Amino acid sequence: MKKAYRIKKNEDFQEVFKRGQSFANRQLVLYYMKKEDQTHFRIGLSVSKKIGHAVMRNQIKRYLRQAFHELENDIHPQYDLVVIARKPTNQMGFHEVKKSLTHVLVRSKLLNKKIRT
């Protein structure tokens, strides 16, 4: 995932939290906000220290980035997305994280087509 497609600034995170909508399951919380002028979606990832040590948090972020990379062509391009990982993600492998992410994207109608994983 290119760095240009990531949300890094606190102001951008706060704007998505305040003006966007959200959907959650047990593992992930997804906040999303439509931005008409974008040609590609942007993602921001948040993994709390409560989830585990730095290695664990970075692994979860790598899993989420890779899942977004694999779903890239099916996600609507005009959105800013912020994903917050919850405690159960520290027990999950890549395929489980991808399945959970796909679930929240399908439920929030951000995928162009339904995907079964």
PDB file of N, CA and C in Angstrom:
ATOM      1  N   MET A   1       0.852  -1.178   0.000  1.00  0.00           N
ATOM      2  CA  MET A   1       0.000   0.000   0.000  1.00  0.00           C
ATOM      3  C   MET A   1       0.896   1.239   0.000  1.00  0.00           C
ATOM      4  N   LYS A   2       0.677   2.130  -0.954  1.00  0.00           N
ATOM      5  CA  LYS A   2       1.484   3.343  -1.044  1.00  0.00           C
ATOM      6  C   LYS A   2       1.236   4.249   0.159  1.00  0.00           C
ATOM      7  N   LYS A   3       2.278   4.957   0.558  1.00  0.00           N
ATOM      8  CA  LYS A   3       2.134   5.851   1.711  1.00  0.00           C
ATOM      9  C   LYS A   3       1.172   6.993   1.432  1.00  0.00           C
ATOM     10  N   ALA A   4       0.999   7.352   0.172  1.00  0.00           N
ATOM     11  CA  ALA A   4       0.047   8.413  -0.187  1.00  0.00           C
ATOM     12  C   ALA A   4      -1.388   7.993   0.119  1.00  0.00           C
ATOM     13  N   TYR A   5      -1.630   6.701   0.252  1.00  0.00           N
ATOM     14  CA  TYR A   5      -2.974   6.179   0.507  1.00  0.00           C
ATOM     15  C   TYR A   5      -3.226   5.947   1.997  1.00  0.00           C
ATOM     16  N   ARG A   6      -2.344   6.451   2.861  1.00  0.00           N
ATOM     17  CA  ARG A   6      -2.515   6.275   4.296  1.00  0.00           C
ATOM     18  C   ARG A   6      -2.916   7.588   4.954  1.00  0.00           C
ATOM     19  N   ILE A   7      -3.694   7.482   6.006  1.00  0.00           N
ATOM     20  CA  ILE A   7      -4.040   8.654   6.808  1.00  0.00           C
ATOM     21  C   ILE A   7      -3.029   8.712   7.943  1.00  0.00           C
ATOM     22  N   LYS A   8      -2.325   9.823   8.061  1.00  0.00           N
ATOM     23  CA  LYS A   8      -1.292   9.959   9.074  1.00  0.00           C
ATOM     24  C   LYS A   8      -1.580  11.086  10.062  1.00  0.00           C
ATOM     25  N   LYS A   9      -2.205  12.155   9.592  1.00  0.00           N
ATOM     26  CA  LYS A   9      -2.389  13.339  10.430  1.00  0.00           C
ATOM     27  C   LYS A   9      -3.545  13.163  11.399  1.00  0.00           C
ATOM     28  N   ASN A  10      -3.362  13.645  12.610  1.00  0.00           N
ATOM     29  CA  ASN A  10      -4.388  13.560  13.636  1.00  0.00           C
ATOM     30  C   ASN A  10      -5.671  14.270  13.198  1.00  0.00           C
ATOM     31  N   GLU A  11      -5.532  15.391  12.476  1.00  0.00           N
ATOM     32  CA  GLU A  11      -6.720  16.129  12.007  1.00  0.00           C
ATOM     33  C   GLU A  11      -7.563  15.267  11.075  1.00  0.00           C
ATOM     34  N   ASP A  12      -6.900  14.493  10.216  1.00  0.00           N
ATOM     35  CA  ASP A  12      -7.635  13.620   9.295  1.00  0.00           C
ATOM     36  C   ASP A  12      -8.364  12.511  10.057  1.00  0.00           C
ATOM     37  N   PHE A  13      -7.696  11.931  11.058  1.00  0.00           N
ATOM     38  CA  PHE A  13      -8.348  10.921  11.896  1.00  0.00           C
ATOM     39  C   PHE A  13      -9.570  11.516  12.586  1.00  0.00           C
ATOM     40  N   GLN A  14      -9.403  12.690  13.184  1.00  0.00           N
ATOM     41  CA  GLN A  14     -10.499  13.313  13.920  1.00  0.00           C
ATOM     42  C   GLN A  14     -11.667  13.665  13.015  1.00  0.00           C
ATOM     43  N   GLU A  15     -11.382  14.090  11.791  1.00  0.00           N
ATOM     44  CA  GLU A  15     -12.452  14.413  10.849  1.00  0.00           C
ATOM     45  C   GLU A  15     -13.278  13.174  10.511  1.00  0.00           C
ATOM     46  N   VAL A  16     -12.608  12.050  10.307  1.00  0.00           N
ATOM     47  CA  VAL A  16     -13.329  10.799  10.011  1.00  0.00           C
ATOM     48  C   VAL A  16     -14.158  10.380  11.227  1.00  0.00           C
ATOM     49  N   PHE A  17     -13.603  10.510  12.429  1.00  0.00           N
ATOM     50  CA  PHE A  17     -14.345  10.146  13.640  1.00  0.00           C
ATOM     51  C   PHE A  17     -15.587  11.015  13.810  1.00  0.00           C
ATOM     52  N   LYS A  18     -15.451  12.305  13.581  1.00  0.00           N
ATOM     53  CA  LYS A  18     -16.554  13.235  13.842  1.00  0.00           C
ATOM     54  C   LYS A  18     -17.602  13.251  12.737  1.00  0.00           C
ATOM     55  N   ARG A  19     -17.162  13.266  11.481  1.00  0.00           N
ATOM     56  CA  ARG A  19     -18.093  13.432  10.369  1.00  0.00           C
ATOM     57  C   ARG A  19     -18.470  12.121   9.682  1.00  0.00           C
ATOM     58  N   GLY A  20     -17.753  11.054   9.992  1.00  0.00           N
ATOM     59  CA  GLY A  20     -17.984   9.789   9.314  1.00  0.00           C
ATOM     60  C   GLY A  20     -18.983   8.902  10.023  1.00  0.00           C
ATOM     61  N   GLN A  21     -19.178   7.725   9.448  1.00  0.00           N
ATOM     62  CA  GLN A  21     -20.049   6.708  10.016  1.00  0.00           C
ATOM     63  C   GLN A  21     -19.171   5.555  10.482  1.00  0.00           C
ATOM     64  N   SER A  22     -19.776   4.638  11.253  1.00  0.00           N
ATOM     65  CA  SER A  22     -18.965   3.530  11.751  1.00  0.00           C
ATOM     66  C   SER A  22     -19.748   2.228  11.712  1.00  0.00           C
ATOM     67  N   PHE A  23     -18.988   1.161  11.711  1.00  0.00           N
ATOM     68  CA  PHE A  23     -19.533  -0.180  11.837  1.00  0.00           C
ATOM     69  C   PHE A  23     -18.486  -1.007  12.562  1.00  0.00           C
ATOM     70  N   ALA A  24     -18.931  -1.959  13.374  1.00  0.00           N
ATOM     71  CA  ALA A  24     -17.981  -2.746  14.158  1.00  0.00           C
ATOM     72  C   ALA A  24     -18.420  -4.197  14.250  1.00  0.00           C
ATOM     73  N   ASN A  25     -17.439  -5.055  14.455  1.00  0.00           N
ATOM     74  CA  ASN A  25     -17.697  -6.423  14.883  1.00  0.00           C
ATOM     75  C   ASN A  25     -16.809  -6.662  16.105  1.00  0.00           C
ATOM     76  N   ARG A  26     -16.657  -7.878  16.535  1.00  0.00           N
ATOM     77  CA  ARG A  26     -15.903  -8.127  17.775  1.00  0.00           C
ATOM     78  C   ARG A  26     -14.427  -7.803  17.645  1.00  0.00           C
ATOM     79  N   GLN A  27     -13.889  -7.911  16.441  1.00  0.00           N
ATOM     80  CA  GLN A  27     -12.451  -7.734  16.271  1.00  0.00           C
ATOM     81  C   GLN A  27     -12.043  -6.331  15.805  1.00  0.00           C
ATOM     82  N   LEU A  28     -12.877  -5.675  14.982  1.00  0.00           N
ATOM     83  CA  LEU A  28     -12.491  -4.418  14.357  1.00  0.00           C
ATOM     84  C   LEU A  28     -13.607  -3.384  14.441  1.00  0.00           C
ATOM     85  N   VAL A  29     -13.216  -2.120  14.474  1.00  0.00           N
ATOM     86  CA  VAL A  29     -14.151  -1.006  14.336  1.00  0.00           C
ATOM     87  C   VAL A  29     -13.727  -0.262  13.079  1.00  0.00           C
ATOM     88  N   LEU A  30     -14.684   0.007  12.192  1.00  0.00           N
ATOM     89  CA  LEU A  30     -14.406   0.712  10.944  1.00  0.00           C
ATOM     90  C   LEU A  30     -15.155   2.029  10.938  1.00  0.00           C
ATOM     91  N   TYR A  31     -14.418   3.119  10.806  1.00  0.00           N
ATOM     92  CA  TYR A  31     -15.008   4.438  10.590  1.00  0.00           C
ATOM     93  C   TYR A  31     -14.757   4.794   9.134  1.00  0.00           C
ATOM     94  N   TYR A  32     -15.753   5.362   8.466  1.00  0.00           N
ATOM     95  CA  TYR A  32     -15.580   5.713   7.063  1.00  0.00           C
ATOM     96  C   TYR A  32     -16.302   7.015   6.745  1.00  0.00           C
ATOM     97  N   MET A  33     -15.701   7.764   5.812  1.00  0.00           N
ATOM     98  CA  MET A  33     -16.255   9.049   5.412  1.00  0.00           C
ATOM     99  C   MET A  33     -16.021   9.220   3.916  1.00  0.00           C
ATOM    100  N   LYS A  34     -17.063   9.612   3.202  1.00  0.00           N
ATOM    101  CA  LYS A  34     -16.959   9.799   1.755  1.00  0.00           C
ATOM    102  C   LYS A  34     -16.285  11.128   1.453  1.00  0.00           C
ATOM    103  N   LYS A  35     -15.359  11.102   0.499  1.00  0.00           N
ATOM    104  CA  LYS A  35     -14.682  12.305   0.010  1.00  0.00           C
ATOM    105  C   LYS A  35     -14.754  12.267  -1.513  1.00  0.00           C
ATOM    106  N   GLU A  36     -15.557  13.139  -2.084  1.00  0.00           N
ATOM    107  CA  GLU A  36     -15.837  13.121  -3.524  1.00  0.00           C
ATOM    108  C   GLU A  36     -14.606  13.351  -4.396  1.00  0.00           C
ATOM    109  N   ASP A  37     -13.639  14.120  -3.914  1.00  0.00           N
ATOM    110  CA  ASP A  37     -12.511  14.522  -4.757  1.00  0.00           C
ATOM    111  C   ASP A  37     -11.366  13.510  -4.802  1.00  0.00           C
ATOM    112  N   GLN A  38     -11.504  12.364  -4.155  1.00  0.00           N
ATOM    113  CA  GLN A  38     -10.431  11.372  -4.119  1.00  0.00           C
ATOM    114  C   GLN A  38     -10.568  10.363  -5.247  1.00  0.00           C
ATOM    115  N   THR A  39      -9.427   9.913  -5.755  1.00  0.00           N
ATOM    116  CA  THR A  39      -9.431   8.877  -6.789  1.00  0.00           C
ATOM    117  C   THR A  39      -9.085   7.512  -6.210  1.00  0.00           C
ATOM    118  N   HIS A  40      -8.608   7.478  -4.980  1.00  0.00           N
ATOM    119  CA  HIS A  40      -8.248   6.221  -4.321  1.00  0.00           C
ATOM    120  C   HIS A  40      -8.582   6.360  -2.834  1.00  0.00           C
ATOM    121  N   PHE A  41      -9.026   5.264  -2.223  1.00  0.00           N
ATOM    122  CA  PHE A  41      -9.332   5.327  -0.791  1.00  0.00           C
ATOM    123  C   PHE A  41      -8.048   5.510   0.016  1.00  0.00           C
ATOM    124  N   ARG A  42      -8.189   6.066   1.222  1.00  0.00           N
ATOM    125  CA  ARG A  42      -7.068   6.189   2.149  1.00  0.00           C
ATOM    126  C   ARG A  42      -7.417   5.433   3.412  1.00  0.00           C
ATOM    127  N   ILE A  43      -6.410   4.825   4.052  1.00  0.00           N
ATOM    128  CA  ILE A  43      -6.663   4.076   5.282  1.00  0.00           C
ATOM    129  C   ILE A  43      -5.804   4.614   6.415  1.00  0.00           C
ATOM    130  N   GLY A  44      -6.374   4.553   7.603  1.00  0.00           N
ATOM    131  CA  GLY A  44      -5.653   4.850   8.822  1.00  0.00           C
ATOM    132  C   GLY A  44      -5.845   3.673   9.767  1.00  0.00           C
ATOM    133  N   LEU A  45      -4.787   3.255  10.420  1.00  0.00           N
ATOM    134  CA  LEU A  45      -4.848   2.102  11.313  1.00  0.00           C
ATOM    135  C   LEU A  45      -4.527   2.533  12.730  1.00  0.00           C
ATOM    136  N   SER A  46      -5.264   1.973  13.683  1.00  0.00           N
ATOM    137  CA  SER A  46      -5.026   2.263  15.086  1.00  0.00           C
ATOM    138  C   SER A  46      -5.057   0.958  15.866  1.00  0.00           C
ATOM    139  N   VAL A  47      -3.947   0.667  16.541  1.00  0.00           N
ATOM    140  CA  VAL A  47      -3.853  -0.529  17.369  1.00  0.00           C
ATOM    141  C   VAL A  47      -3.356  -0.090  18.739  1.00  0.00           C
ATOM    142  N   SER A  48      -4.170  -0.263  19.754  1.00  0.00           N
ATOM    143  CA  SER A  48      -3.876   0.203  21.106  1.00  0.00           C
ATOM    144  C   SER A  48      -2.779  -0.612  21.779  1.00  0.00           C
ATOM    145  N   LYS A  49      -2.118  -0.001  22.733  1.00  0.00           N
ATOM    146  CA  LYS A  49      -1.116  -0.716  23.526  1.00  0.00           C
ATOM    147  C   LYS A  49      -1.741  -1.803  24.384  1.00  0.00           C
ATOM    148  N   LYS A  50      -3.045  -1.712  24.621  1.00  0.00           N
ATOM    149  CA  LYS A  50      -3.737  -2.739  25.403  1.00  0.00           C
ATOM    150  C   LYS A  50      -3.748  -4.083  24.681  1.00  0.00           C
ATOM    151  N   ILE A  51      -3.556  -4.064  23.377  1.00  0.00           N
ATOM    152  CA  ILE A  51      -3.617  -5.291  22.582  1.00  0.00           C
ATOM    153  C   ILE A  51      -2.357  -6.124  22.743  1.00  0.00           C
ATOM    154  N   GLY A  52      -1.229  -5.475  22.930  1.00  0.00           N
ATOM    155  CA  GLY A  52       0.002  -6.239  23.098  1.00  0.00           C
ATOM    156  C   GLY A  52       1.218  -5.366  22.918  1.00  0.00           C
ATOM    157  N   HIS A  53       2.374  -6.006  22.928  1.00  0.00           N
ATOM    158  CA  HIS A  53       3.634  -5.288  22.786  1.00  0.00           C
ATOM    159  C   HIS A  53       3.814  -4.808  21.341  1.00  0.00           C
ATOM    160  N   ALA A  54       4.878  -4.073  21.082  1.00  0.00           N
ATOM    161  CA  ALA A  54       5.084  -3.431  19.782  1.00  0.00           C
ATOM    162  C   ALA A  54       5.112  -4.426  18.624  1.00  0.00           C
ATOM    163  N   VAL A  55       5.731  -5.571  18.829  1.00  0.00           N
ATOM    164  CA  VAL A  55       5.811  -6.573  17.767  1.00  0.00           C
ATOM    165  C   VAL A  55       4.411  -7.051  17.385  1.00  0.00           C
ATOM    166  N   MET A  56       3.572  -7.291  18.376  1.00  0.00           N
ATOM    167  CA  MET A  56       2.198  -7.744  18.134  1.00  0.00           C
ATOM    168  C   MET A  56       1.388  -6.664  17.406  1.00  0.00           C
ATOM    169  N   ARG A  57       1.512  -5.423  17.858  1.00  0.00           N
ATOM    170  CA  ARG A  57       0.771  -4.315  17.237  1.00  0.00           C
ATOM    171  C   ARG A  57       1.198  -4.126  15.784  1.00  0.00           C
ATOM    172  N   ASN A  58       2.489  -4.187  15.526  1.00  0.00           N
ATOM    173  CA  ASN A  58       2.980  -4.030  14.164  1.00  0.00           C
ATOM    174  C   ASN A  58       2.547  -5.183  13.274  1.00  0.00           C
ATOM    175  N   GLN A  59       2.494  -6.389  13.830  1.00  0.00           N
ATOM    176  CA  GLN A  59       2.040  -7.542  13.062  1.00  0.00           C
ATOM    177  C   GLN A  59       0.575  -7.368  12.648  1.00  0.00           C
ATOM    178  N   ILE A  60      -0.263  -6.894  13.561  1.00  0.00           N
ATOM    179  CA  ILE A  60      -1.675  -6.666  13.257  1.00  0.00           C
ATOM    180  C   ILE A  60      -1.800  -5.605  12.168  1.00  0.00           C
ATOM    181  N   LYS A  61      -1.004  -4.544  12.254  1.00  0.00           N
ATOM    182  CA  LYS A  61      -1.048  -3.503  11.220  1.00  0.00           C
ATOM    183  C   LYS A  61      -0.586  -4.044   9.870  1.00  0.00           C
ATOM    184  N   ARG A  62       0.424  -4.909   9.860  1.00  0.00           N
ATOM    185  CA  ARG A  62       0.866  -5.528   8.603  1.00  0.00           C
ATOM    186  C   ARG A  62      -0.237  -6.387   8.011  1.00  0.00           C
ATOM    187  N   TYR A  63      -0.923  -7.174   8.857  1.00  0.00           N
ATOM    188  CA  TYR A  63      -2.034  -8.003   8.396  1.00  0.00           C
ATOM    189  C   TYR A  63      -3.133  -7.147   7.769  1.00  0.00           C
ATOM    190  N   LEU A  64      -3.472  -6.043   8.442  1.00  0.00           N
ATOM    191  CA  LEU A  64      -4.533  -5.172   7.928  1.00  0.00           C
ATOM    192  C   LEU A  64      -4.123  -4.518   6.607  1.00  0.00           C
ATOM    193  N   ARG A  65      -2.887  -4.052   6.508  1.00  0.00           N
ATOM    194  CA  ARG A  65      -2.422  -3.446   5.256  1.00  0.00           C
ATOM    195  C   ARG A  65      -2.452  -4.450   4.114  1.00  0.00           C
ATOM    196  N   GLN A  66      -2.015  -5.679   4.397  1.00  0.00           N
ATOM    197  CA  GLN A  66      -2.011  -6.713   3.357  1.00  0.00           C
ATOM    198  C   GLN A  66      -3.436  -7.065   2.942  1.00  0.00           C
ATOM    199  N   ALA A  67      -4.352  -7.131   3.892  1.00  0.00           N
ATOM    200  CA  ALA A  67      -5.753  -7.421   3.566  1.00  0.00           C
ATOM    201  C   ALA A  67      -6.334  -6.308   2.692  1.00  0.00           C
ATOM    202  N   PHE A  68      -6.044  -5.048   3.022  1.00  0.00           N
ATOM    203  CA  PHE A  68      -6.494  -3.939   2.178  1.00  0.00           C
ATOM    204  C   PHE A  68      -5.879  -4.034   0.795  1.00  0.00           C
ATOM    205  N   HIS A  69      -4.608  -4.416   0.733  1.00  0.00           N
ATOM    206  CA  HIS A  69      -3.938  -4.552  -0.560  1.00  0.00           C
ATOM    207  C   HIS A  69      -4.625  -5.611  -1.431  1.00  0.00           C
ATOM    208  N   GLU A  70      -5.010  -6.724  -0.828  1.00  0.00           N
ATOM    209  CA  GLU A  70      -5.673  -7.789  -1.581  1.00  0.00           C
ATOM    210  C   GLU A  70      -7.093  -7.416  -1.991  1.00  0.00           C
ATOM    211  N   LEU A  71      -7.749  -6.556  -1.208  1.00  0.00           N
ATOM    212  CA  LEU A  71      -9.119  -6.130  -1.514  1.00  0.00           C
ATOM    213  C   LEU A  71      -9.165  -4.804  -2.268  1.00  0.00           C
ATOM    214  N   GLU A  72      -8.017  -4.263  -2.610  1.00  0.00           N
ATOM    215  CA  GLU A  72      -7.894  -2.911  -3.147  1.00  0.00           C
ATOM    216  C   GLU A  72      -8.819  -2.623  -4.330  1.00  0.00           C
ATOM    217  N   ASN A  73      -8.920  -3.551  -5.266  1.00  0.00           N
ATOM    218  CA  ASN A  73      -9.716  -3.319  -6.473  1.00  0.00           C
ATOM    219  C   ASN A  73     -11.216  -3.371  -6.221  1.00  0.00           C
ATOM    220  N   ASP A  74     -11.636  -3.898  -5.081  1.00  0.00           N
ATOM    221  CA  ASP A  74     -13.058  -4.056  -4.797  1.00  0.00           C
ATOM    222  C   ASP A  74     -13.614  -3.013  -3.837  1.00  0.00           C
ATOM    223  N   ILE A  75     -12.765  -2.148  -3.281  1.00  0.00           N
ATOM    224  CA  ILE A  75     -13.209  -1.136  -2.328  1.00  0.00           C
ATOM    225  C   ILE A  75     -13.537   0.144  -3.083  1.00  0.00           C
ATOM    226  N   HIS A  76     -14.656   0.777  -2.728  1.00  0.00           N
ATOM    227  CA  HIS A  76     -15.029   2.041  -3.345  1.00  0.00           C
ATOM    228  C   HIS A  76     -13.906   3.058  -3.139  1.00  0.00           C
ATOM    229  N   PRO A  77     -13.504   3.788  -4.181  1.00  0.00           N
ATOM    230  CA  PRO A  77     -12.307   4.630  -4.100  1.00  0.00           C
ATOM    231  C   PRO A  77     -12.470   5.950  -3.367  1.00  0.00           C
ATOM    232  N   GLN A  78     -13.663   6.436  -3.160  1.00  0.00           N
ATOM    233  CA  GLN A  78     -13.832   7.800  -2.648  1.00  0.00           C
ATOM    234  C   GLN A  78     -14.063   7.856  -1.138  1.00  0.00           C
ATOM    235  N   TYR A  79     -13.357   7.051  -0.386  1.00  0.00           N
ATOM    236  CA  TYR A  79     -13.574   7.001   1.057  1.00  0.00           C
ATOM    237  C   TYR A  79     -12.270   7.128   1.826  1.00  0.00           C
ATOM    238  N   ASP A  80     -12.366   7.743   2.990  1.00  0.00           N
ATOM    239  CA  ASP A  80     -11.317   7.665   4.002  1.00  0.00           C
ATOM    240  C   ASP A  80     -11.776   6.619   5.009  1.00  0.00           C
ATOM    241  N   LEU A  81     -10.925   5.658   5.330  1.00  0.00           N
ATOM    242  CA  LEU A  81     -11.273   4.563   6.232  1.00  0.00           C
ATOM    243  C   LEU A  81     -10.302   4.562   7.412  1.00  0.00           C
ATOM    244  N   VAL A  82     -10.843   4.428   8.612  1.00  0.00           N
ATOM    245  CA  VAL A  82     -10.011   4.276   9.807  1.00  0.00           C
ATOM    246  C   VAL A  82     -10.420   2.967  10.475  1.00  0.00           C
ATOM    247  N   VAL A  83      -9.455   2.094  10.682  1.00  0.00           N
ATOM    248  CA  VAL A  83      -9.711   0.796  11.296  1.00  0.00           C
ATOM    249  C   VAL A  83      -9.053   0.776  12.668  1.00  0.00           C
ATOM    250  N   ILE A  84      -9.844   0.435  13.677  1.00  0.00           N
ATOM    251  CA  ILE A  84      -9.338   0.289  15.039  1.00  0.00           C
ATOM    252  C   ILE A  84      -9.424  -1.186  15.407  1.00  0.00           C
ATOM    253  N   ALA A  85      -8.291  -1.756  15.779  1.00  0.00           N
ATOM    254  CA  ALA A  85      -8.245  -3.163  16.161  1.00  0.00           C
ATOM    255  C   ALA A  85      -8.646  -3.316  17.621  1.00  0.00           C
ATOM    256  N   ARG A  86      -9.426  -4.344  17.894  1.00  0.00           N
ATOM    257  CA  ARG A  86      -9.828  -4.658  19.270  1.00  0.00           C
ATOM    258  C   ARG A  86      -8.998  -5.830  19.790  1.00  0.00           C
ATOM    259  N   LYS A  87      -9.144  -6.108  21.053  1.00  0.00           N
ATOM    260  CA  LYS A  87      -8.341  -7.110  21.762  1.00  0.00           C
ATOM    261  C   LYS A  87      -8.280  -8.491  21.076  1.00  0.00           C
ATOM    262  N   PRO A  88      -9.398  -9.047  20.558  1.00  0.00           N
ATOM    263  CA  PRO A  88      -9.296 -10.400  19.975  1.00  0.00           C
ATOM    264  C   PRO A  88      -8.353 -10.515  18.784  1.00  0.00           C
ATOM    265  N   THR A  89      -7.971  -9.409  18.157  1.00  0.00           N
ATOM    266  CA  THR A  89      -7.096  -9.513  16.991  1.00  0.00           C
ATOM    267  C   THR A  89      -5.705 -10.037  17.330  1.00  0.00           C
ATOM    268  N   ASN A  90      -5.293  -9.936  18.594  1.00  0.00           N
ATOM    269  CA  ASN A  90      -3.952 -10.427  18.922  1.00  0.00           C
ATOM    270  C   ASN A  90      -3.878 -11.959  18.911  1.00  0.00           C
ATOM    271  N   GLN A  91      -5.011 -12.627  18.848  1.00  0.00           N
ATOM    272  CA  GLN A  91      -5.047 -14.094  18.782  1.00  0.00           C
ATOM    273  C   GLN A  91      -5.296 -14.596  17.359  1.00  0.00           C
ATOM    274  N   MET A  92      -5.390 -13.688  16.385  1.00  0.00           N
ATOM    275  CA  MET A  92      -5.818 -14.052  15.037  1.00  0.00           C
ATOM    276  C   MET A  92      -4.652 -14.093  14.054  1.00  0.00           C
ATOM    277  N   GLY A  93      -4.804 -14.963  13.057  1.00  0.00           N
ATOM    278  CA  GLY A  93      -3.851 -15.015  11.957  1.00  0.00           C
ATOM    279  C   GLY A  93      -4.310 -14.101  10.831  1.00  0.00           C
ATOM    280  N   PHE A  94      -3.529 -14.068   9.750  1.00  0.00           N
ATOM    281  CA  PHE A  94      -3.841 -13.167   8.647  1.00  0.00           C
ATOM    282  C   PHE A  94      -5.210 -13.436   8.038  1.00  0.00           C
ATOM    283  N   HIS A  95      -5.533 -14.692   7.769  1.00  0.00           N
ATOM    284  CA  HIS A  95      -6.793 -15.008   7.098  1.00  0.00           C
ATOM    285  C   HIS A  95      -7.996 -14.643   7.958  1.00  0.00           C
ATOM    286  N   GLU A  96      -7.872 -14.797   9.252  1.00  0.00           N
ATOM    287  CA  GLU A  96      -8.965 -14.400  10.147  1.00  0.00           C
ATOM    288  C   GLU A  96      -9.131 -12.877  10.176  1.00  0.00           C
ATOM    289  N   VAL A  97      -8.022 -12.141  10.162  1.00  0.00           N
ATOM    290  CA  VAL A  97      -8.087 -10.675  10.135  1.00  0.00           C
ATOM    291  C   VAL A  97      -8.726 -10.221   8.826  1.00  0.00           C
ATOM    292  N   LYS A  98      -8.322 -10.843   7.722  1.00  0.00           N
ATOM    293  CA  LYS A  98      -8.890 -10.479   6.412  1.00  0.00           C
ATOM    294  C   LYS A  98     -10.387 -10.778   6.373  1.00  0.00           C
ATOM    295  N   LYS A  99     -10.788 -11.908   6.927  1.00  0.00           N
ATOM    296  CA  LYS A  99     -12.211 -12.258   6.950  1.00  0.00           C
ATOM    297  C   LYS A  99     -13.004 -11.252   7.785  1.00  0.00           C
ATOM    298  N   SER A 100     -12.460 -10.841   8.915  1.00  0.00           N
ATOM    299  CA  SER A 100     -13.124  -9.866   9.768  1.00  0.00           C
ATOM    300  C   SER A 100     -13.215  -8.506   9.073  1.00  0.00           C
ATOM    301  N   LEU A 101     -12.142  -8.097   8.407  1.00  0.00           N
ATOM    302  CA  LEU A 101     -12.144  -6.839   7.673  1.00  0.00           C
ATOM    303  C   LEU A 101     -13.155  -6.883   6.527  1.00  0.00           C
ATOM    304  N   THR A 102     -13.190  -7.984   5.809  1.00  0.00           N
ATOM    305  CA  THR A 102     -14.164  -8.137   4.723  1.00  0.00           C
ATOM    306  C   THR A 102     -15.575  -8.040   5.270  1.00  0.00           C
ATOM    307  N   HIS A 103     -15.815  -8.621   6.423  1.00  0.00           N
ATOM    308  CA  HIS A 103     -17.138  -8.573   7.048  1.00  0.00           C
ATOM    309  C   HIS A 103     -17.576  -7.140   7.314  1.00  0.00           C
ATOM    310  N   VAL A 104     -16.713  -6.321   7.935  1.00  0.00           N
ATOM    311  CA  VAL A 104     -17.115  -4.944   8.231  1.00  0.00           C
ATOM    312  C   VAL A 104     -17.247  -4.113   6.956  1.00  0.00           C
ATOM    313  N   LEU A 105     -16.426  -4.395   5.941  1.00  0.00           N
ATOM    314  CA  LEU A 105     -16.546  -3.662   4.675  1.00  0.00           C
ATOM    315  C   LEU A 105     -17.841  -4.010   3.939  1.00  0.00           C
ATOM    316  N   VAL A 106     -18.214  -5.286   3.953  1.00  0.00           N
ATOM    317  CA  VAL A 106     -19.466  -5.701   3.300  1.00  0.00           C
ATOM    318  C   VAL A 106     -20.657  -5.108   4.036  1.00  0.00           C
ATOM    319  N   ARG A 107     -20.654  -5.172   5.360  1.00  0.00           N
ATOM    320  CA  ARG A 107     -21.781  -4.650   6.138  1.00  0.00           C
ATOM    321  C   ARG A 107     -21.924  -3.139   5.992  1.00  0.00           C
ATOM    322  N   SER A 108     -20.817  -2.434   5.774  1.00  0.00           N
ATOM    323  CA  SER A 108     -20.887  -0.982   5.601  1.00  0.00           C
ATOM    324  C   SER A 108     -21.030  -0.583   4.129  1.00  0.00           C
ATOM    325  N   LYS A 109     -21.177  -1.580   3.254  1.00  0.00           N
ATOM    326  CA  LYS A 109     -21.409  -1.373   1.816  1.00  0.00           C
ATOM    327  C   LYS A 109     -20.272  -0.610   1.131  1.00  0.00           C
ATOM    328  N   LEU A 110     -19.054  -0.918   1.516  1.00  0.00           N
ATOM    329  CA  LEU A 110     -17.894  -0.272   0.910  1.00  0.00           C
ATOM    330  C   LEU A 110     -17.190  -1.146  -0.121  1.00  0.00           C
ATOM    331  N   LEU A 111     -17.619  -2.380  -0.272  1.00  0.00           N
ATOM    332  CA  LEU A 111     -17.054  -3.249  -1.300  1.00  0.00           C
ATOM    333  C   LEU A 111     -17.930  -3.187  -2.545  1.00  0.00           C
ATOM    334  N   ASN A 112     -17.283  -3.201  -3.728  1.00  0.00           N
ATOM    335  CA  ASN A 112     -18.027  -3.155  -4.975  1.00  0.00           C
ATOM    336  C   ASN A 112     -18.833  -4.422  -5.224  1.00  0.00           C
ATOM    337  N   LYS A 113     -18.335  -5.533  -4.703  1.00  0.00           N
ATOM    338  CA  LYS A 113     -19.057  -6.804  -4.843  1.00  0.00           C
ATOM    339  C   LYS A 113     -18.860  -7.617  -3.587  1.00  0.00           C
ATOM    340  N   LYS A 114     -19.761  -8.543  -3.349  1.00  0.00           N
ATOM    341  CA  LYS A 114     -19.627  -9.404  -2.175  1.00  0.00           C
ATOM    342  C   LYS A 114     -18.538 -10.429  -2.403  1.00  0.00           C
ATOM    343  N   ILE A 115     -17.694 -10.562  -1.415  1.00  0.00           N
ATOM    344  CA  ILE A 115     -16.579 -11.498  -1.500  1.00  0.00           C
ATOM    345  C   ILE A 115     -16.720 -12.528  -0.396  1.00  0.00           C
ATOM    346  N   ARG A 116     -16.535 -13.759  -0.741  1.00  0.00           N
ATOM    347  CA  ARG A 116     -16.560 -14.837   0.266  1.00  0.00           C
ATOM    348  C   ARG A 116     -15.122 -15.259   0.526  1.00  0.00           C
ATOM    349  N   THR A 117     -14.724 -15.234   1.793  1.00  0.00           N
ATOM    350  CA  THR A 117     -13.382 -15.696   2.131  1.00  0.00           C
ATOM    351  C   THR A 117     -13.453 -16.893   3.031  1.00  0.00           C
TER     352      THR A 117
END
